[in-house]
């Protein structure tokens, strides 16, 4: 039970980190593409 909780917490942390990195990457890419236009 404790191991399952630990793994579940790690999975949620990994998903959260991956989502944050993807969000920052997308925002940076959009900013890099639209900066020369504006």
N, C-alpha and C. Protein backbone atom coordinates (compact mmCIF):
# COMPACT_ATOMS: atom_id res chain seq x y z
N UNK A 1 0.84 -1.19 0.00
CA UNK A 1 0.00 0.00 0.00
C UNK A 1 0.88 1.25 0.00
N UNK A 2 1.88 1.25 0.89
CA UNK A 2 2.77 2.41 0.96
C UNK A 2 3.58 2.56 -0.32
N UNK A 3 4.00 1.40 -0.88
CA UNK A 3 4.77 1.44 -2.13
C UNK A 3 3.90 1.94 -3.27
N UNK A 4 2.66 1.49 -3.31
CA UNK A 4 1.76 1.94 -4.38
C UNK A 4 1.54 3.44 -4.28
N UNK A 5 1.36 3.94 -3.07
CA UNK A 5 1.16 5.38 -2.88
C UNK A 5 2.40 6.16 -3.33
N UNK A 6 3.58 5.62 -3.00
CA UNK A 6 4.82 6.29 -3.38
C UNK A 6 4.96 6.33 -4.90
N UNK A 7 4.65 5.20 -5.56
CA UNK A 7 4.75 5.14 -7.02
C UNK A 7 3.74 6.09 -7.64
N UNK A 8 2.52 6.10 -7.10
CA UNK A 8 1.49 6.97 -7.65
C UNK A 8 1.89 8.43 -7.51
N UNK A 9 2.50 8.77 -6.38
CA UNK A 9 2.95 10.15 -6.17
C UNK A 9 4.05 10.49 -7.17
N UNK A 10 4.96 9.54 -7.42
CA UNK A 10 6.03 9.80 -8.37
C UNK A 10 5.48 9.98 -9.78
N UNK A 11 4.48 9.15 -10.12
CA UNK A 11 3.87 9.26 -11.45
C UNK A 11 3.21 10.62 -11.61
N UNK A 12 2.47 11.04 -10.58
CA UNK A 12 1.81 12.35 -10.66
C UNK A 12 2.85 13.47 -10.75
N UNK A 13 3.94 13.35 -10.02
CA UNK A 13 4.99 14.37 -10.08
C UNK A 13 5.63 14.40 -11.46
N UNK A 14 5.86 13.22 -12.04
CA UNK A 14 6.46 13.15 -13.37
C UNK A 14 5.54 13.77 -14.41
N UNK A 15 4.24 13.50 -14.30
CA UNK A 15 3.28 14.08 -15.25
C UNK A 15 3.24 15.60 -15.08
N UNK A 16 3.25 16.06 -13.83
CA UNK A 16 3.21 17.50 -13.56
C UNK A 16 4.45 18.18 -14.14
N UNK A 17 5.62 17.58 -13.93
CA UNK A 17 6.87 18.16 -14.44
C UNK A 17 6.86 18.15 -15.97
N UNK A 18 6.41 17.04 -16.56
CA UNK A 18 6.37 16.94 -18.02
C UNK A 18 5.42 17.99 -18.59
N UNK A 19 4.27 18.18 -17.94
CA UNK A 19 3.31 19.18 -18.42
C UNK A 19 3.89 20.59 -18.30
N UNK A 20 4.60 20.85 -17.21
CA UNK A 20 5.22 22.17 -17.03
C UNK A 20 6.29 22.43 -18.07
N UNK A 21 7.12 21.43 -18.34
CA UNK A 21 8.18 21.59 -19.35
C UNK A 21 7.55 21.79 -20.73
N UNK A 22 6.50 21.02 -21.03
CA UNK A 22 5.84 21.14 -22.33
C UNK A 22 5.19 22.52 -22.46
N UNK A 23 4.59 23.01 -21.37
CA UNK A 23 3.96 24.33 -21.41
C UNK A 23 4.99 25.43 -21.62
N UNK A 24 6.11 25.35 -20.89
CA UNK A 24 7.16 26.35 -21.06
C UNK A 24 7.74 26.28 -22.47
N UNK A 25 7.94 25.07 -22.98
CA UNK A 25 8.47 24.90 -24.33
C UNK A 25 7.53 25.48 -25.37
N UNK A 26 6.24 25.23 -25.21
CA UNK A 26 5.26 25.75 -26.17
C UNK A 26 5.21 27.27 -26.10
N UNK A 27 5.21 27.82 -24.89
CA UNK A 27 5.18 29.28 -24.73
C UNK A 27 6.44 29.91 -25.32
N UNK A 28 7.58 29.29 -25.07
CA UNK A 28 8.84 29.81 -25.61
C UNK A 28 8.86 29.75 -27.13
N UNK A 29 8.34 28.65 -27.69
CA UNK A 29 8.32 28.50 -29.14
C UNK A 29 7.38 29.53 -29.77
N UNK A 30 6.20 29.71 -29.17
CA UNK A 30 5.25 30.70 -29.69
C UNK A 30 5.86 32.10 -29.61
N UNK A 31 6.49 32.41 -28.48
CA UNK A 31 7.12 33.73 -28.32
C UNK A 31 8.25 33.93 -29.32
N UNK A 32 9.02 32.86 -29.59
CA UNK A 32 10.14 32.96 -30.52
C UNK A 32 9.64 33.16 -31.94
N UNK A 33 8.50 32.54 -32.26
CA UNK A 33 7.96 32.65 -33.63
C UNK A 33 7.28 33.99 -33.84
N UNK A 34 6.54 34.47 -32.83
CA UNK A 34 5.75 35.68 -33.00
C UNK A 34 6.54 36.95 -32.70
N UNK A 35 7.69 36.84 -32.05
CA UNK A 35 8.47 38.03 -31.69
C UNK A 35 8.91 38.82 -32.93
N UNK A 36 9.46 38.18 -33.97
CA UNK A 36 9.90 38.95 -35.14
C UNK A 36 8.73 39.60 -35.88
N UNK A 37 7.54 39.00 -35.80
CA UNK A 37 6.38 39.55 -36.51
C UNK A 37 5.95 40.86 -35.87
N UNK A 38 5.85 40.86 -34.54
CA UNK A 38 5.40 42.05 -33.82
C UNK A 38 6.61 42.95 -33.55
